[in-house]
Protein backbone atom coordinates (compact mmCIF):
# COMPACT_ATOMS: atom_id res chain seq x y z
CA UNK A 1 113.58 212.40 122.25
CA UNK A 2 110.75 214.29 123.72
CA UNK A 3 111.19 216.41 126.68
CA UNK A 4 109.24 214.89 129.92
CA UNK A 5 106.85 217.21 131.54
CA UNK A 6 107.60 218.09 135.79
CA UNK A 7 105.32 215.58 137.91
CA UNK A 8 102.14 217.96 138.88
CA UNK A 9 102.18 218.07 143.03
CA UNK A 10 98.21 218.07 144.25
CA UNK A 11 97.37 220.43 145.76
CA UNK A 12 94.78 220.64 148.81
CA UNK A 13 91.95 223.11 148.67
CA UNK A 14 91.89 223.24 152.39
CA UNK A 15 94.39 226.38 153.76
CA UNK A 16 94.91 225.14 157.72
CA UNK A 17 95.91 221.33 158.30
CA UNK A 18 93.37 218.81 160.15
CA UNK A 19 95.26 217.53 162.76
CA UNK A 20 93.10 214.40 164.44
CA UNK A 21 93.97 214.26 168.26
CA UNK A 22 92.89 210.35 169.43
CA UNK A 23 91.15 209.36 172.69
CA UNK A 24 93.98 207.94 174.02
CA UNK A 25 96.06 210.97 173.39
CA UNK A 26 93.48 213.31 175.18
CA UNK A 27 93.19 210.52 178.24
CA UNK A 28 96.70 210.53 178.23
CA UNK A 29 96.81 214.50 178.36
CA UNK A 30 94.10 214.90 180.91
CA UNK A 31 95.71 212.42 183.18
CA UNK A 32 99.77 213.33 183.35
CA UNK A 33 97.30 217.43 184.31
CA UNK A 34 95.86 215.48 187.08
CA UNK A 35 99.37 214.22 188.04
CA UNK A 36 100.42 218.10 187.44
CA UNK A 37 98.12 219.31 189.84
CA UNK A 38 98.37 216.00 192.62
CA UNK A 39 102.65 217.58 192.69
CA UNK A 40 101.71 220.95 192.91
CA UNK A 41 99.97 220.49 195.54
CA UNK A 42 102.14 218.64 197.06
CA UNK A 43 105.07 220.78 196.85
CA UNK A 44 102.23 223.33 198.41
CA UNK A 45 102.19 221.45 201.28
CA UNK A 46 105.87 220.00 201.82
CA UNK A 47 106.97 224.09 201.34
CA UNK A 48 104.06 224.96 204.47
CA UNK A 49 105.74 222.44 206.50
CA UNK A 50 109.12 223.48 205.67
CA UNK A 51 109.07 227.13 206.18
CA UNK A 52 106.52 226.03 209.89
CA UNK A 53 109.28 223.86 210.87
CA UNK A 54 112.51 226.45 209.91
CA UNK A 55 110.53 229.55 211.86
CA UNK A 56 109.61 227.05 215.48
CA UNK A 57 113.52 225.58 214.96
CA UNK A 58 114.86 229.52 214.92
CA UNK A 59 112.61 230.12 217.75
CA UNK A 60 113.75 227.85 220.01
CA UNK A 61 115.44 228.61 223.14
CA UNK A 62 119.44 227.91 223.37
CA UNK A 63 120.14 224.24 224.47
CA UNK A 64 123.07 225.02 226.71
CA UNK A 65 120.45 227.14 229.02
CA UNK A 66 117.96 224.02 228.94
CA UNK A 67 120.36 221.85 230.29
CA UNK A 68 122.31 224.04 232.73
CA UNK A 69 122.44 221.93 235.82
CA UNK A 70 122.52 224.70 238.36
CA UNK A 71 119.84 225.93 237.22
CA UNK A 72 117.96 222.54 238.76
CA UNK A 73 116.30 222.32 242.10
CA UNK A 74 113.64 219.37 244.00
CA UNK A 75 110.12 221.10 244.09
CA UNK A 76 108.83 221.18 247.01
CA UNK A 77 105.12 219.99 246.40
CA UNK A 78 103.23 219.23 243.21
CA UNK A 79 101.74 222.53 242.82
CA UNK A 80 105.04 223.80 242.70
CA UNK A 81 106.37 221.80 239.96
CA UNK A 82 103.14 221.98 238.49
CA UNK A 83 103.75 226.07 237.97
CA UNK A 84 107.44 225.52 237.18
CA UNK A 85 106.66 223.32 234.15
CA UNK A 86 103.61 226.28 233.10
CA UNK A 87 106.23 228.73 233.15
CA UNK A 88 108.61 226.17 231.51
CA UNK A 89 106.73 225.08 228.64
CA UNK A 90 105.57 228.68 228.46
CA UNK A 91 109.53 229.73 227.98
CA UNK A 92 111.05 225.95 226.50
CA UNK A 93 107.87 225.15 224.30
CA UNK A 94 109.70 224.95 221.13
CA UNK A 95 112.24 222.69 222.32
CA UNK A 96 109.73 220.93 224.34
CA UNK A 97 107.78 219.62 221.23
CA UNK A 98 111.11 219.02 219.46
CA UNK A 99 112.40 216.58 222.27
CA UNK A 100 108.70 214.71 221.74
CA UNK A 101 108.62 214.52 218.00
CA UNK A 102 112.64 213.21 218.99
CA UNK A 103 111.25 210.61 220.84
CA UNK A 104 108.71 209.43 218.59
CA UNK A 105 110.97 209.66 215.56
CA UNK A 106 113.88 207.39 217.39
CA UNK A 107 110.97 205.24 217.96
CA UNK A 108 109.80 204.25 214.86
CA UNK A 109 113.35 204.16 213.38
CA UNK A 110 113.88 201.33 215.47
CA UNK A 111 110.46 199.11 214.46
CA UNK A 112 110.74 199.29 211.14
CA UNK A 113 107.46 197.63 210.39
CA UNK A 114 105.64 199.97 212.45
CA UNK A 115 107.58 203.22 210.00
CA UNK A 116 106.50 201.12 206.85
CA UNK A 117 102.95 200.85 207.48
CA UNK A 118 102.74 204.76 209.51
CA UNK A 119 104.17 205.60 205.85
CA UNK A 120 102.30 203.56 203.51
CA UNK A 121 99.12 205.30 205.56
CA UNK A 122 100.02 208.77 205.46
CA UNK A 123 100.42 208.03 201.89
CA UNK A 124 97.26 207.07 201.08
CA UNK A 125 95.87 209.57 203.25
CA UNK A 126 97.76 212.56 201.29
CA UNK A 127 97.44 211.06 197.26
CA UNK A 128 93.64 209.53 198.00
CA UNK A 129 91.91 212.10 200.20
CA UNK A 130 93.69 215.35 200.82
CA UNK A 131 95.62 215.98 197.72
CA UNK A 132 92.92 214.76 195.13
CA UNK A 133 90.99 217.61 193.63
CA UNK A 134 86.86 217.30 192.26
CA UNK A 135 88.14 217.48 188.57
CA UNK A 136 90.19 213.83 189.76
CA UNK A 137 88.94 210.74 187.98
CA UNK A 138 87.56 208.40 190.69
CA UNK A 139 89.98 206.15 192.39
CA UNK A 140 89.90 202.74 189.99
CA UNK A 141 91.30 199.04 191.84
CA UNK A 142 90.92 195.76 189.94
CA UNK A 143 88.61 197.71 187.22
CA UNK A 144 85.93 198.97 190.11
CA UNK A 145 85.93 202.35 190.61
CA UNK A 146 85.51 204.12 193.95
CA UNK A 147 83.92 207.62 195.07
CA UNK A 148 85.29 209.74 197.39
CA UNK A 149 83.07 208.77 199.84
CA UNK A 150 83.39 205.07 199.92
CA UNK A 151 87.73 206.23 199.45
CA UNK A 152 86.83 207.66 202.60
CA UNK A 153 85.48 205.21 204.25
CA UNK A 154 87.94 202.97 203.29
CA UNK A 155 90.74 204.96 204.21
CA UNK A 156 88.84 205.80 208.09
CA UNK A 157 88.88 201.90 208.23
CA UNK A 158 92.75 201.35 207.53
CA UNK A 159 93.79 204.01 210.25
CA UNK A 160 91.66 202.05 213.00
CA UNK A 161 92.85 198.65 211.31
CA UNK A 162 96.45 199.62 211.75
CA UNK A 163 96.77 201.95 214.60
CA UNK A 164 94.90 199.72 217.24
CA UNK A 165 95.26 196.55 216.32
CA UNK A 166 98.92 196.59 214.89
CA UNK A 167 101.80 197.07 217.28
CA UNK A 168 101.52 200.75 215.64
CA UNK A 169 99.03 202.50 218.04
CA UNK A 170 101.02 201.24 220.55
CA UNK A 171 104.75 202.25 219.41
CA UNK A 172 103.34 206.00 218.96
CA UNK A 173 101.73 205.94 222.97
CA UNK A 174 104.32 204.64 224.31
CA UNK A 175 106.93 207.16 222.77
CA UNK A 176 104.25 209.97 222.88
CA UNK A 177 104.42 209.10 226.82
CA UNK A 178 108.04 208.96 227.26
CA UNK A 179 108.33 212.21 225.50
CA UNK A 180 106.23 213.97 227.86
CA UNK A 181 107.25 212.30 230.34
CA UNK A 182 110.81 213.94 230.20
CA UNK A 183 109.13 217.12 229.51
CA UNK A 184 107.45 217.44 232.43
CA UNK A 185 110.37 215.87 234.46
CA UNK A 186 112.52 218.73 233.03
CA UNK A 187 109.66 221.30 233.33
CA UNK A 188 108.87 220.23 237.14
CA UNK A 189 112.76 220.44 238.71
CA UNK A 190 113.60 223.30 236.08
CA UNK A 191 114.03 226.85 238.28
CA UNK A 192 112.19 229.09 236.34
CA UNK A 193 113.36 232.51 238.10
CA UNK A 194 116.00 233.02 235.71
CA UNK A 195 113.34 233.50 232.49
CA UNK A 196 111.95 236.59 231.80
CA UNK A 197 108.39 236.10 230.30
CA UNK A 198 106.91 239.08 229.33
CA UNK A 199 102.85 239.24 230.12
CA UNK A 200 101.92 238.03 226.48
CA UNK A 201 104.32 234.96 225.89
CA UNK A 202 103.27 233.64 229.38
CA UNK A 203 99.57 234.02 228.04
CA UNK A 204 100.31 232.62 224.71
CA UNK A 205 101.28 229.34 225.50
CA UNK A 206 98.56 227.58 223.07
CA UNK A 207 98.54 229.89 220.37
CA UNK A 208 103.07 229.02 220.15
CA UNK A 209 101.95 225.78 219.96
CA UNK A 210 98.88 226.17 217.57
CA UNK A 211 101.36 228.15 215.32
CA UNK A 212 103.35 225.24 214.59
CA UNK A 213 100.42 224.29 212.40
CA UNK A 214 99.04 227.29 210.88
CA UNK A 215 102.76 227.86 209.66
CA UNK A 216 102.35 231.40 211.74
CA UNK A 217 105.84 232.95 213.62
CA UNK A 218 105.94 233.15 217.59
CA UNK A 219 104.52 235.98 218.63
CA UNK A 220 106.34 238.65 219.85
CA UNK A 221 105.84 240.97 222.73
CA UNK A 222 104.53 244.42 221.76
CA UNK A 223 106.19 247.34 222.34
CA UNK A 224 103.38 249.80 224.38
CA UNK A 225 104.55 253.09 225.32
CA UNK A 226 102.62 254.00 228.52
CA UNK A 227 102.70 257.82 228.87
CA UNK A 228 101.79 260.11 232.07
CA UNK A 229 98.49 259.36 233.69
CA UNK A 230 96.03 262.29 232.87
CA UNK A 231 95.33 265.08 234.57
CA UNK A 232 91.94 264.76 236.58
CA UNK A 233 90.00 267.58 235.66
CA UNK A 234 89.66 270.33 238.61
CA UNK A 235 87.37 269.34 241.41
């Protein structure tokens, strides 16, 4: 019986294999890249907000000091009440903003419908406009593509409808007014004589408020060394 020769395998002439990428695979890769970019942008935004809130809460005044009953007295006039409020606001501004935020949160939690609408509106603004990049594909709804300008107009129209034509606007306005009233009453009746305000902090109420949104920390008083007055030249 003759010995059979081994089978000869075909060898390709090309040195490197040819890899074919379908259009569907490329589209999936592009979509994943856009989603990864959106997630990273949202993560950076959330990290900045978290750092800002943490720094702001770290600079708040002690709550027992805020609620000390021995420091309350009736103001003699409206001008004195306004002066007290200005001084107390410069000193307790982080606590006051916390109180207003807590009132808004409680009001929204007790109105689930308003909370759902406001959360949906915020999510739409974040993912359809704020976090979108120029390389992202256009928004497509029911097979129709919308430009960035059309998306912005839709978001503005939705905001106007939700805020002014539903209960969301009334809930937010009423909660904000209640929070401001609580803060003003406290600032008017709390005597600020025992508060130690330096010149820079007493004038930095607005900058301290804006630092919560810009991520900056509360400014500390700069230490300035004052030397003896210069000796005048001989007359």
